């Protein structure tokens, strides 16, 4: 009941705010804050003055007035981009993202095309790092919602708009890391692999190979019963060595694969320990031998050999 009451109060606030901010002129609905009271030149001069003074909220307001009221003028065309810039530096990332999207849609070859894409990427980065967004994207409401989904969507927009540009590589890498932080392992690996395929010689590509194995390592710690993780990690390591044979971090990737083997071996060792506690040494010996046979290079293998000796089981480098 308390949640419903809060929702009703919140919706009432939204309705009151929307009603107070809306006016009608010439048969069209306007936000009262967006109505022009001066000439286009005067509003544009005020916008530039506020921009130079880094008064971002005022700059956004004046550029918005010019863009909305005088869209076909040279000042209006410029303002469609700079209103987004002002919002960005005012840390109103929702509004900035929407304005840049609107600007990119307005012409087939906008003057500030690449800069707008760069800003959209930076907006996604801000949401990735914890910036909040507004409910319903409404400017009058506080930024209280997480921006993870918006970050993913914005990265996708950058990737789709400039698929072969360096920004697409950066967006793929950031998107992969965001999925990883959310424990969305399959999606993270997919993004890293797309970057590798699309940009095989990019400076981020070795990082992708290394990150993939680290994702597999984290995944293995949560999905011990998944038998495919180690095979995929080993395959990724082989490709890494093939494409970047002189890469200094190959030893790190090898270490991650060994760590995955340690996780698998530890699972077998723990199962053997379980059967020891249940006073079933024969079952324990089976698991200890399996760990030694499958993962002989691990530190867990030595522990298994010690337990075999203690239990009187056969202990050799390659037990049956």
C-alpha atoms as a PDB file:
ATOM      1  CA  UNK A   1       0.000   0.000   0.000  1.00  0.00           C
ATOM      2  CA  UNK A   2       2.854   2.376   0.819  1.00  0.00           C
ATOM      3  CA  UNK A   3       4.403   1.771  -2.606  1.00  0.00           C
ATOM      4  CA  UNK A   4       1.083   2.466  -4.325  1.00  0.00           C
ATOM      5  CA  UNK A   5       0.621   5.652  -2.317  1.00  0.00           C
ATOM      6  CA  UNK A   6       4.125   6.803  -3.208  1.00  0.00           C
ATOM      7  CA  UNK A   7       3.470   6.069  -6.896  1.00  0.00           C
ATOM      8  CA  UNK A   8       0.239   8.079  -6.832  1.00  0.00           C
ATOM      9  CA  UNK A   9       1.958  11.032  -5.176  1.00  0.00           C
ATOM     10  CA  UNK A  10       4.806  10.796  -7.659  1.00  0.00           C
ATOM     11  CA  UNK A  11       2.449  10.689 -10.656  1.00  0.00           C
ATOM     12  CA  UNK A  12       0.500  13.603  -9.244  1.00  0.00           C
ATOM     13  CA  UNK A  13       3.713  15.574  -8.964  1.00  0.00           C
ATOM     14  CA  UNK A  14       4.556  14.757 -12.579  1.00  0.00           C
ATOM     15  CA  UNK A  15       1.117  15.859 -13.788  1.00  0.00           C
ATOM     16  CA  UNK A  16       1.262  19.112 -11.840  1.00  0.00           C
ATOM     17  CA  UNK A  17       4.745  19.868 -13.082  1.00  0.00           C
ATOM     18  CA  UNK A  18       3.808  19.067 -16.681  1.00  0.00           C
ATOM     19  CA  UNK A  19       0.685  21.214 -16.500  1.00  0.00           C
ATOM     20  CA  UNK A  20       2.611  24.145 -15.053  1.00  0.00           C
ATOM     21  CA  UNK A  21       5.298  23.913 -17.704  1.00  0.00           C
ATOM     22  CA  UNK A  22       3.067  23.619 -20.777  1.00  0.00           C
ATOM     23  CA  UNK A  23       1.472  26.413 -22.734  1.00  0.00           C
ATOM     24  CA  UNK A  24      -0.248  26.729 -26.116  1.00  0.00           C
ATOM     25  CA  UNK A  25       0.654  29.258 -28.755  1.00  0.00           C
ATOM     26  CA  UNK A  26      -0.544  29.322 -32.336  1.00  0.00           C
ATOM     27  CA  UNK A  27      -2.276  26.008 -31.902  1.00  0.00           C
ATOM     28  CA  UNK A  28       0.936  24.270 -30.824  1.00  0.00           C
ATOM     29  CA  UNK A  29       1.961  22.940 -27.414  1.00  0.00           C
ATOM     30  CA  UNK A  30       5.178  24.361 -25.956  1.00  0.00           C
ATOM     31  CA  UNK A  31       7.136  24.052 -22.755  1.00  0.00           C
ATOM     32  CA  UNK A  32       6.853  27.526 -21.261  1.00  0.00           C
ATOM     33  CA  UNK A  33      10.617  27.611 -20.710  1.00  0.00           C
ATOM     34  CA  UNK A  34      11.201  27.116 -24.433  1.00  0.00           C
ATOM     35  CA  UNK A  35       9.239  30.105 -25.747  1.00  0.00           C
ATOM     36  CA  UNK A  36      11.248  32.862 -27.434  1.00  0.00           C
ATOM     37  CA  UNK A  37      10.921  36.362 -26.013  1.00  0.00           C
ATOM     38  CA  UNK A  38      13.722  37.943 -28.056  1.00  0.00           C
ATOM     39  CA  UNK A  39      15.031  37.734 -31.605  1.00  0.00           C
ATOM     40  CA  UNK A  40      17.001  34.719 -32.765  1.00  0.00           C
ATOM     41  CA  UNK A  41      20.196  36.772 -32.763  1.00  0.00           C
ATOM     42  CA  UNK A  42      19.654  37.953 -29.203  1.00  0.00           C
ATOM     43  CA  UNK A  43      18.878  34.492 -27.842  1.00  0.00           C
ATOM     44  CA  UNK A  44      21.860  33.063 -29.691  1.00  0.00           C
ATOM     45  CA  UNK A  45      24.144  35.756 -28.285  1.00  0.00           C
ATOM     46  CA  UNK A  46      22.899  34.989 -24.768  1.00  0.00           C
ATOM     47  CA  UNK A  47      23.524  31.285 -25.377  1.00  0.00           C
ATOM     48  CA  UNK A  48      27.091  31.892 -26.531  1.00  0.00           C
ATOM     49  CA  UNK A  49      27.744  34.227 -23.629  1.00  0.00           C
ATOM     50  CA  UNK A  50      26.542  31.634 -21.122  1.00  0.00           C
ATOM     51  CA  UNK A  51      28.552  28.935 -22.912  1.00  0.00           C
ATOM     52  CA  UNK A  52      31.763  30.962 -22.648  1.00  0.00           C
ATOM     53  CA  UNK A  53      31.057  31.587 -18.961  1.00  0.00           C
ATOM     54  CA  UNK A  54      30.410  27.835 -18.469  1.00  0.00           C
ATOM     55  CA  UNK A  55      26.933  28.632 -17.183  1.00  0.00           C
ATOM     56  CA  UNK A  56      25.698  25.393 -18.663  1.00  0.00           C
ATOM     57  CA  UNK A  57      22.076  25.468 -17.513  1.00  0.00           C
ATOM     58  CA  UNK A  58      21.538  28.938 -18.983  1.00  0.00           C
ATOM     59  CA  UNK A  59      23.412  28.009 -22.160  1.00  0.00           C
ATOM     60  CA  UNK A  60      21.221  24.928 -22.577  1.00  0.00           C
ATOM     61  CA  UNK A  61      18.086  27.011 -22.069  1.00  0.00           C
ATOM     62  CA  UNK A  62      19.067  29.666 -24.632  1.00  0.00           C
ATOM     63  CA  UNK A  63      20.304  27.166 -27.229  1.00  0.00           C
ATOM     64  CA  UNK A  64      17.095  25.189 -26.735  1.00  0.00           C
ATOM     65  CA  UNK A  65      14.992  28.283 -27.340  1.00  0.00           C
ATOM     66  CA  UNK A  66      16.881  29.018 -30.564  1.00  0.00           C
ATOM     67  CA  UNK A  67      16.766  25.395 -31.763  1.00  0.00           C
ATOM     68  CA  UNK A  68      13.040  24.954 -31.061  1.00  0.00           C
ATOM     69  CA  UNK A  69      11.760  28.355 -32.167  1.00  0.00           C
ATOM     70  CA  UNK A  70      14.083  29.086 -35.093  1.00  0.00           C
ATOM     71  CA  UNK A  71      15.016  25.626 -36.407  1.00  0.00           C
ATOM     72  CA  UNK A  72      15.648  26.651 -40.031  1.00  0.00           C
ATOM     73  CA  UNK A  73      18.011  29.520 -39.323  1.00  0.00           C
ATOM     74  CA  UNK A  74      21.820  29.117 -39.252  1.00  0.00           C
ATOM     75  CA  UNK A  75      21.701  29.818 -35.510  1.00  0.00           C
ATOM     76  CA  UNK A  76      19.002  27.201 -35.086  1.00  0.00           C
ATOM     77  CA  UNK A  77      21.064  24.576 -36.893  1.00  0.00           C
ATOM     78  CA  UNK A  78      24.085  25.276 -34.680  1.00  0.00           C
ATOM     79  CA  UNK A  79      21.977  25.305 -31.530  1.00  0.00           C
ATOM     80  CA  UNK A  80      20.603  21.819 -32.196  1.00  0.00           C
ATOM     81  CA  UNK A  81      24.085  20.522 -31.479  1.00  0.00           C
ATOM     82  CA  UNK A  82      25.226  22.930 -28.775  1.00  0.00           C
ATOM     83  CA  UNK A  83      22.158  22.444 -26.610  1.00  0.00           C
ATOM     84  CA  UNK A  84      23.316  18.841 -26.235  1.00  0.00           C
ATOM     85  CA  UNK A  85      26.854  19.970 -25.405  1.00  0.00           C
ATOM     86  CA  UNK A  86      25.550  22.322 -22.717  1.00  0.00           C
ATOM     87  CA  UNK A  87      23.397  19.577 -21.216  1.00  0.00           C
ATOM     88  CA  UNK A  88      26.400  17.241 -21.208  1.00  0.00           C
ATOM     89  CA  UNK A  89      28.612  19.622 -19.256  1.00  0.00           C
ATOM     90  CA  UNK A  90      25.705  20.349 -16.926  1.00  0.00           C
ATOM     91  CA  UNK A  91      25.739  16.573 -16.251  1.00  0.00           C
ATOM     92  CA  UNK A  92      22.182  16.215 -17.546  1.00  0.00           C
ATOM     93  CA  UNK A  93      23.137  13.147 -19.539  1.00  0.00           C
ATOM     94  CA  UNK A  94      19.602  12.030 -20.367  1.00  0.00           C
ATOM     95  CA  UNK A  95      18.797  15.355 -22.000  1.00  0.00           C
ATOM     96  CA  UNK A  96      22.191  15.514 -23.733  1.00  0.00           C
ATOM     97  CA  UNK A  97      21.733  12.051 -25.200  1.00  0.00           C
ATOM     98  CA  UNK A  98      18.291  12.904 -26.536  1.00  0.00           C
ATOM     99  CA  UNK A  99      19.472  16.168 -28.081  1.00  0.00           C
ATOM    100  CA  UNK A 100      22.418  14.520 -29.827  1.00  0.00           C
ATOM    101  CA  UNK A 101      20.104  11.814 -31.179  1.00  0.00           C
ATOM    102  CA  UNK A 102      17.685  14.468 -32.403  1.00  0.00           C
ATOM    103  CA  UNK A 103      20.555  16.382 -34.023  1.00  0.00           C
ATOM    104  CA  UNK A 104      21.835  13.286 -35.833  1.00  0.00           C
ATOM    105  CA  UNK A 105      18.341  12.584 -37.159  1.00  0.00           C
ATOM    106  CA  UNK A 106      17.735  16.088 -38.459  1.00  0.00           C
ATOM    107  CA  UNK A 107      20.073  15.850 -41.485  1.00  0.00           C
ATOM    108  CA  UNK A 108      21.810  13.155 -43.489  1.00  0.00           C
ATOM    109  CA  UNK A 109      25.174  14.943 -43.142  1.00  0.00           C
ATOM    110  CA  UNK A 110      25.102  17.167 -40.038  1.00  0.00           C
ATOM    111  CA  UNK A 111      28.032  19.536 -39.561  1.00  0.00           C
ATOM    112  CA  UNK A 112      28.987  18.166 -36.142  1.00  0.00           C
ATOM    113  CA  UNK A 113      28.325  14.509 -36.936  1.00  0.00           C
ATOM    114  CA  UNK A 114      31.521  13.024 -35.499  1.00  0.00           C
ATOM    115  CA  UNK A 115      31.492  15.295 -32.450  1.00  0.00           C
ATOM    116  CA  UNK A 116      27.898  14.290 -31.690  1.00  0.00           C
ATOM    117  CA  UNK A 117      28.871  10.602 -31.856  1.00  0.00           C
ATOM    118  CA  UNK A 118      31.806  11.266 -29.529  1.00  0.00           C
ATOM    119  CA  UNK A 119      29.515  12.962 -27.040  1.00  0.00           C
ATOM    120  CA  UNK A 120      27.050  10.082 -27.181  1.00  0.00           C
ATOM    121  CA  UNK A 121      29.910   7.738 -26.378  1.00  0.00           C
ATOM    122  CA  UNK A 122      30.879   9.949 -23.429  1.00  0.00           C
ATOM    123  CA  UNK A 123      27.253   9.951 -22.254  1.00  0.00           C
ATOM    124  CA  UNK A 124      27.306   6.143 -22.263  1.00  0.00           C
ATOM    125  CA  UNK A 125      30.589   6.219 -20.342  1.00  0.00           C
ATOM    126  CA  UNK A 126      29.015   8.480 -17.731  1.00  0.00           C
ATOM    127  CA  UNK A 127      26.082   6.106 -17.249  1.00  0.00           C
ATOM    128  CA  UNK A 128      28.505   3.158 -17.146  1.00  0.00           C
ATOM    129  CA  UNK A 129      30.394   4.872 -14.311  1.00  0.00           C
ATOM    130  CA  UNK A 130      27.236   5.349 -12.234  1.00  0.00           C
ATOM    131  CA  UNK A 131      25.486   8.497 -13.499  1.00  0.00           C
ATOM    132  CA  UNK A 132      21.736   8.406 -12.928  1.00  0.00           C
ATOM    133  CA  UNK A 133      18.927   9.170 -15.343  1.00  0.00           C
ATOM    134  CA  UNK A 134      15.560  10.890 -14.930  1.00  0.00           C
ATOM    135  CA  UNK A 135      12.226   9.021 -14.752  1.00  0.00           C
ATOM    136  CA  UNK A 136      10.511   9.248 -18.143  1.00  0.00           C
ATOM    137  CA  UNK A 137      13.399  11.474 -19.297  1.00  0.00           C
ATOM    138  CA  UNK A 138      11.512  14.481 -17.915  1.00  0.00           C
ATOM    139  CA  UNK A 139      13.810  17.436 -17.188  1.00  0.00           C
ATOM    140  CA  UNK A 140      11.867  18.597 -14.116  1.00  0.00           C
ATOM    141  CA  UNK A 141      12.439  15.333 -12.243  1.00  0.00           C
ATOM    142  CA  UNK A 142      15.564  14.319 -10.301  1.00  0.00           C
ATOM    143  CA  UNK A 143      18.115  11.816 -11.612  1.00  0.00           C
ATOM    144  CA  UNK A 144      17.327   8.749  -9.520  1.00  0.00           C
ATOM    145  CA  UNK A 145      17.311   5.749 -11.889  1.00  0.00           C
ATOM    146  CA  UNK A 146      20.336   3.614 -12.834  1.00  0.00           C
ATOM    147  CA  UNK A 147      21.670   4.246 -16.328  1.00  0.00           C
ATOM    148  CA  UNK A 148      22.993   0.787 -17.219  1.00  0.00           C
ATOM    149  CA  UNK A 149      20.370   0.026 -19.870  1.00  0.00           C
ATOM    150  CA  UNK A 150      20.697   3.488 -21.376  1.00  0.00           C
ATOM    151  CA  UNK A 151      24.477   3.033 -21.531  1.00  0.00           C
ATOM    152  CA  UNK A 152      24.064  -0.265 -23.421  1.00  0.00           C
ATOM    153  CA  UNK A 153      21.567   1.284 -25.828  1.00  0.00           C
ATOM    154  CA  UNK A 154      23.822   4.284 -26.442  1.00  0.00           C
ATOM    155  CA  UNK A 155      26.882   2.117 -27.043  1.00  0.00           C
ATOM    156  CA  UNK A 156      24.799   0.183 -29.569  1.00  0.00           C
ATOM    157  CA  UNK A 157      23.820   3.412 -31.307  1.00  0.00           C
ATOM    158  CA  UNK A 158      27.480   4.443 -31.608  1.00  0.00           C
ATOM    159  CA  UNK A 159      28.483   0.992 -32.901  1.00  0.00           C
ATOM    160  CA  UNK A 160      25.670   0.947 -35.461  1.00  0.00           C
ATOM    161  CA  UNK A 161      26.266   4.513 -36.649  1.00  0.00           C
ATOM    162  CA  UNK A 162      30.048   4.290 -37.150  1.00  0.00           C
ATOM    163  CA  UNK A 163      30.706   0.504 -37.277  1.00  0.00           C
ATOM    164  CA  UNK A 164      34.307   0.752 -38.526  1.00  0.00           C
ATOM    165  CA  UNK A 165      35.358   3.849 -36.588  1.00  0.00           C
ATOM    166  CA  UNK A 166      37.682   3.827 -33.592  1.00  0.00           C
ATOM    167  CA  UNK A 167      34.713   4.950 -31.481  1.00  0.00           C
ATOM    168  CA  UNK A 168      32.943   1.688 -32.336  1.00  0.00           C
ATOM    169  CA  UNK A 169      35.932  -0.256 -30.995  1.00  0.00           C
ATOM    170  CA  UNK A 170      35.916   1.782 -27.797  1.00  0.00           C
ATOM    171  CA  UNK A 171      32.142   1.369 -27.463  1.00  0.00           C
ATOM    172  CA  UNK A 172      32.391  -2.399 -27.910  1.00  0.00           C
ATOM    173  CA  UNK A 173      35.128  -2.599 -25.282  1.00  0.00           C
ATOM    174  CA  UNK A 174      33.207  -0.472 -22.781  1.00  0.00           C
ATOM    175  CA  UNK A 175      29.970  -2.340 -23.462  1.00  0.00           C
ATOM    176  CA  UNK A 176      31.743  -5.658 -22.877  1.00  0.00           C
ATOM    177  CA  UNK A 177      33.135  -4.459 -19.560  1.00  0.00           C
ATOM    178  CA  UNK A 178      29.730  -3.173 -18.512  1.00  0.00           C
ATOM    179  CA  UNK A 179      28.152  -6.569 -19.242  1.00  0.00           C
ATOM    180  CA  UNK A 180      31.003  -8.169 -17.312  1.00  0.00           C
ATOM    181  CA  UNK A 181      30.397  -5.947 -14.276  1.00  0.00           C
ATOM    182  CA  UNK A 182      26.752  -7.056 -14.383  1.00  0.00           C
ATOM    183  CA  UNK A 183      27.871 -10.727 -14.516  1.00  0.00           C
ATOM    184  CA  UNK A 184      26.416 -11.069 -17.993  1.00  0.00           C
ATOM    185  CA  UNK A 185      29.302 -13.253 -19.090  1.00  0.00           C
ATOM    186  CA  UNK A 186      27.999 -14.477 -22.435  1.00  0.00           C
ATOM    187  CA  UNK A 187      27.185 -10.947 -23.596  1.00  0.00           C
ATOM    188  CA  UNK A 188      30.564  -9.638 -22.404  1.00  0.00           C
ATOM    189  CA  UNK A 189      32.507 -12.316 -24.268  1.00  0.00           C
ATOM    190  CA  UNK A 190      30.414 -11.759 -27.386  1.00  0.00           C
ATOM    191  CA  UNK A 191      31.292  -8.041 -27.394  1.00  0.00           C
ATOM    192  CA  UNK A 192      34.985  -8.730 -26.906  1.00  0.00           C
ATOM    193  CA  UNK A 193      34.894 -11.253 -29.757  1.00  0.00           C
ATOM    194  CA  UNK A 194      33.107  -8.833 -32.098  1.00  0.00           C
ATOM    195  CA  UNK A 195      35.809  -6.254 -31.419  1.00  0.00           C
ATOM    196  CA  UNK A 196      38.524  -8.841 -32.143  1.00  0.00           C
ATOM    197  CA  UNK A 197      36.886  -9.848 -35.421  1.00  0.00           C
ATOM    198  CA  UNK A 198      36.109  -6.318 -36.604  1.00  0.00           C
ATOM    199  CA  UNK A 199      39.358  -4.695 -35.417  1.00  0.00           C
ATOM    200  CA  UNK A 200      42.000  -7.469 -35.449  1.00  0.00           C
ATOM    201  CA  UNK A 201      44.958  -5.070 -35.160  1.00  0.00           C
ATOM    202  CA  UNK A 202      43.427  -2.479 -32.858  1.00  0.00           C
ATOM    203  CA  UNK A 203      45.321  -1.559 -29.702  1.00  0.00           C
ATOM    204  CA  UNK A 204      42.382  -2.837 -27.628  1.00  0.00           C
ATOM    205  CA  UNK A 205      42.369  -6.273 -29.276  1.00  0.00           C
ATOM    206  CA  UNK A 206      45.056  -7.846 -27.026  1.00  0.00           C
ATOM    207  CA  UNK A 207      43.110  -6.510 -24.042  1.00  0.00           C
ATOM    208  CA  UNK A 208      40.058  -8.323 -25.395  1.00  0.00           C
ATOM    209  CA  UNK A 209      41.840 -11.670 -25.540  1.00  0.00           C
ATOM    210  CA  UNK A 210      43.106 -11.165 -22.007  1.00  0.00           C
ATOM    211  CA  UNK A 211      39.711  -9.997 -20.737  1.00  0.00           C
ATOM    212  CA  UNK A 212      37.917 -12.980 -22.272  1.00  0.00           C
ATOM    213  CA  UNK A 213      40.001 -15.416 -20.217  1.00  0.00           C
ATOM    214  CA  UNK A 214      39.427 -13.349 -17.096  1.00  0.00           C
ATOM    215  CA  UNK A 215      35.695 -13.460 -17.742  1.00  0.00           C
ATOM    216  CA  UNK A 216      35.964 -17.242 -18.133  1.00  0.00           C
ATOM    217  CA  UNK A 217      37.905 -17.412 -14.853  1.00  0.00           C
ATOM    218  CA  UNK A 218      35.217 -15.495 -12.986  1.00  0.00           C
ATOM    219  CA  UNK A 219      32.514 -17.541 -14.668  1.00  0.00           C
ATOM    220  CA  UNK A 220      34.248 -20.802 -13.709  1.00  0.00           C
ATOM    221  CA  UNK A 221      34.159 -19.771 -10.054  1.00  0.00           C
ATOM    222  CA  UNK A 222      30.389 -19.463 -10.295  1.00  0.00           C
ATOM    223  CA  UNK A 223      29.671 -22.323 -12.675  1.00  0.00           C
ATOM    224  CA  UNK A 224      31.921 -25.180 -11.605  1.00  0.00           C
ATOM    225  CA  UNK A 225      29.698 -27.712 -13.326  1.00  0.00           C
ATOM    226  CA  UNK A 226      30.073 -26.025 -16.735  1.00  0.00           C
ATOM    227  CA  UNK A 227      32.543 -28.245 -18.641  1.00  0.00           C
ATOM    228  CA  UNK A 228      32.906 -25.886 -21.614  1.00  0.00           C
ATOM    229  CA  UNK A 229      34.542 -22.946 -19.873  1.00  0.00           C
ATOM    230  CA  UNK A 230      38.048 -24.414 -19.746  1.00  0.00           C
ATOM    231  CA  UNK A 231      37.904 -25.519 -23.391  1.00  0.00           C
ATOM    232  CA  UNK A 232      36.792 -22.063 -24.515  1.00  0.00           C
ATOM    233  CA  UNK A 233      39.522 -20.413 -22.431  1.00  0.00           C
ATOM    234  CA  UNK A 234      42.196 -22.671 -23.921  1.00  0.00           C
ATOM    235  CA  UNK A 235      40.907 -21.949 -27.433  1.00  0.00           C
ATOM    236  CA  UNK A 236      41.007 -18.212 -26.748  1.00  0.00           C
ATOM    237  CA  UNK A 237      44.576 -18.542 -25.449  1.00  0.00           C
ATOM    238  CA  UNK A 238      45.661 -20.389 -28.608  1.00  0.00           C
ATOM    239  CA  UNK A 239      44.180 -17.631 -30.799  1.00  0.00           C
ATOM    240  CA  UNK A 240      45.845 -14.976 -28.647  1.00  0.00           C
ATOM    241  CA  UNK A 241      49.240 -16.648 -29.116  1.00  0.00           C
ATOM    242  CA  UNK A 242      48.660 -17.018 -32.827  1.00  0.00           C
ATOM    243  CA  UNK A 243      47.660 -13.397 -33.439  1.00  0.00           C
ATOM    244  CA  UNK A 244      50.027 -11.727 -30.950  1.00  0.00           C
ATOM    245  CA  UNK A 245      53.005 -14.090 -30.465  1.00  0.00           C
ATOM    246  CA  UNK A 246      55.175 -11.338 -29.004  1.00  0.00           C
ATOM    247  CA  UNK A 247      52.607  -9.951 -26.590  1.00  0.00           C
ATOM    248  CA  UNK A 248      54.092  -9.568 -23.118  1.00  0.00           C
ATOM    249  CA  UNK A 249      50.791 -10.380 -21.413  1.00  0.00           C
ATOM    250  CA  UNK A 250      50.550 -13.873 -22.872  1.00  0.00           C
ATOM    251  CA  UNK A 251      51.927 -15.139 -19.561  1.00  0.00           C
ATOM    252  CA  UNK A 252      48.984 -13.457 -17.819  1.00  0.00           C
ATOM    253  CA  UNK A 253      46.540 -15.236 -20.112  1.00  0.00           C
ATOM    254  CA  UNK A 254      48.313 -18.534 -19.441  1.00  0.00           C
ATOM    255  CA  UNK A 255      48.060 -17.825 -15.728  1.00  0.00           C
ATOM    256  CA  UNK A 256      44.313 -17.274 -16.051  1.00  0.00           C
ATOM    257  CA  UNK A 257      43.900 -20.629 -17.806  1.00  0.00           C
ATOM    258  CA  UNK A 258      45.912 -22.301 -15.049  1.00  0.00           C
ATOM    259  CA  UNK A 259      43.696 -20.563 -12.473  1.00  0.00           C
ATOM    260  CA  UNK A 260      40.629 -22.020 -14.201  1.00  0.00           C
ATOM    261  CA  UNK A 261      42.229 -25.472 -13.959  1.00  0.00           C
ATOM    262  CA  UNK A 262      42.811 -24.829 -10.269  1.00  0.00           C
ATOM    263  CA  UNK A 263      39.095 -24.089  -9.882  1.00  0.00           C
ATOM    264  CA  UNK A 264      38.151 -27.346 -11.616  1.00  0.00           C
ATOM    265  CA  UNK A 265      40.717 -29.314  -9.628  1.00  0.00           C
ATOM    266  CA  UNK A 266      39.539 -27.725  -6.383  1.00  0.00           C
ATOM    267  CA  UNK A 267      36.007 -28.862  -7.153  1.00  0.00           C
ATOM    268  CA  UNK A 268      37.170 -32.446  -7.535  1.00  0.00           C
ATOM    269  CA  UNK A 269      39.306 -32.187  -4.397  1.00  0.00           C
ATOM    270  CA  UNK A 270      36.385 -30.806  -2.382  1.00  0.00           C
ATOM    271  CA  UNK A 271      34.217 -33.698  -3.583  1.00  0.00           C
ATOM    272  CA  UNK A 272      36.913 -36.119  -2.465  1.00  0.00           C
ATOM    273  CA  UNK A 273      37.020 -34.387   0.910  1.00  0.00           C
ATOM    274  CA  UNK A 274      33.245 -34.710   1.170  1.00  0.00           C
ATOM    275  CA  UNK A 275      33.434 -38.480   0.700  1.00  0.00           C
ATOM    276  CA  UNK A 276      36.261 -38.698   3.240  1.00  0.00           C
ATOM    277  CA  UNK A 277      34.027 -37.031   5.802  1.00  0.00           C
ATOM    278  CA  UNK A 278      31.332 -39.549   4.909  1.00  0.00           C
ATOM    279  CA  UNK A 279      33.863 -42.331   5.575  1.00  0.00           C
ATOM    280  CA  UNK A 280      33.801 -43.485   1.940  1.00  0.00           C
ATOM    281  CA  UNK A 281      37.515 -43.542   1.045  1.00  0.00           C
ATOM    282  CA  UNK A 282      37.024 -45.506  -2.166  1.00  0.00           C
ATOM    283  CA  UNK A 283      34.896 -42.717  -3.646  1.00  0.00           C
ATOM    284  CA  UNK A 284      37.404 -40.128  -2.397  1.00  0.00           C
ATOM    285  CA  UNK A 285      40.272 -41.909  -4.154  1.00  0.00           C
ATOM    286  CA  UNK A 286      38.340 -41.781  -7.460  1.00  0.00           C
ATOM    287  CA  UNK A 287      38.025 -38.007  -7.309  1.00  0.00           C
ATOM    288  CA  UNK A 288      41.607 -37.429  -6.158  1.00  0.00           C
ATOM    289  CA  UNK A 289      42.922 -39.532  -9.031  1.00  0.00           C
ATOM    290  CA  UNK A 290      40.682 -37.717 -11.490  1.00  0.00           C
ATOM    291  CA  UNK A 291      42.020 -34.354 -10.361  1.00  0.00           C
ATOM    292  CA  UNK A 292      45.630 -35.551 -10.683  1.00  0.00           C
ATOM    293  CA  UNK A 293      45.012 -37.035 -14.123  1.00  0.00           C
ATOM    294  CA  UNK A 294      43.137 -34.069 -15.594  1.00  0.00           C
ATOM    295  CA  UNK A 295      45.013 -31.202 -13.924  1.00  0.00           C
ATOM    296  CA  UNK A 296      48.530 -32.434 -13.082  1.00  0.00           C
ATOM    297  CA  UNK A 297      50.077 -28.940 -13.249  1.00  0.00           C
ATOM    298  CA  UNK A 298      47.886 -27.496 -10.505  1.00  0.00           C
ATOM    299  CA  UNK A 299      48.768 -27.023  -6.850  1.00  0.00           C
ATOM    300  CA  UNK A 300      45.594 -28.935  -5.982  1.00  0.00           C
ATOM    301  CA  UNK A 301      47.094 -31.971  -7.703  1.00  0.00           C
ATOM    302  CA  UNK A 302      49.778 -32.167  -5.016  1.00  0.00           C
ATOM    303  CA  UNK A 303      47.143 -32.044  -2.276  1.00  0.00           C
ATOM    304  CA  UNK A 304      45.320 -34.904  -3.969  1.00  0.00           C
ATOM    305  CA  UNK A 305      48.537 -36.977  -4.060  1.00  0.00           C
ATOM    306  CA  UNK A 306      49.021 -36.389  -0.359  1.00  0.00           C
ATOM    307  CA  UNK A 307      45.485 -37.568   0.374  1.00  0.00           C
ATOM    308  CA  UNK A 308      45.984 -40.658  -1.782  1.00  0.00           C
ATOM    309  CA  UNK A 309      49.062 -41.593   0.215  1.00  0.00           C
ATOM    310  CA  UNK A 310      47.157 -41.031   3.462  1.00  0.00           C
ATOM    311  CA  UNK A 311      44.307 -43.235   2.240  1.00  0.00           C
ATOM    312  CA  UNK A 312      46.620 -45.928   0.927  1.00  0.00           C
ATOM    313  CA  UNK A 313      45.495 -45.427  -2.650  1.00  0.00           C
ATOM    314  CA  UNK A 314      47.719 -45.704  -5.720  1.00  0.00           C
ATOM    315  CA  UNK A 315      49.719 -42.520  -6.341  1.00  0.00           C
ATOM    316  CA  UNK A 316      51.601 -41.964  -9.593  1.00  0.00           C
ATOM    317  CA  UNK A 317      52.086 -39.127 -12.045  1.00  0.00           C
ATOM    318  CA  UNK A 318      49.356 -40.564 -14.277  1.00  0.00           C
ATOM    319  CA  UNK A 319      47.016 -42.640 -12.085  1.00  0.00           C
ATOM    320  CA  UNK A 320      44.393 -44.692 -13.828  1.00  0.00           C
END
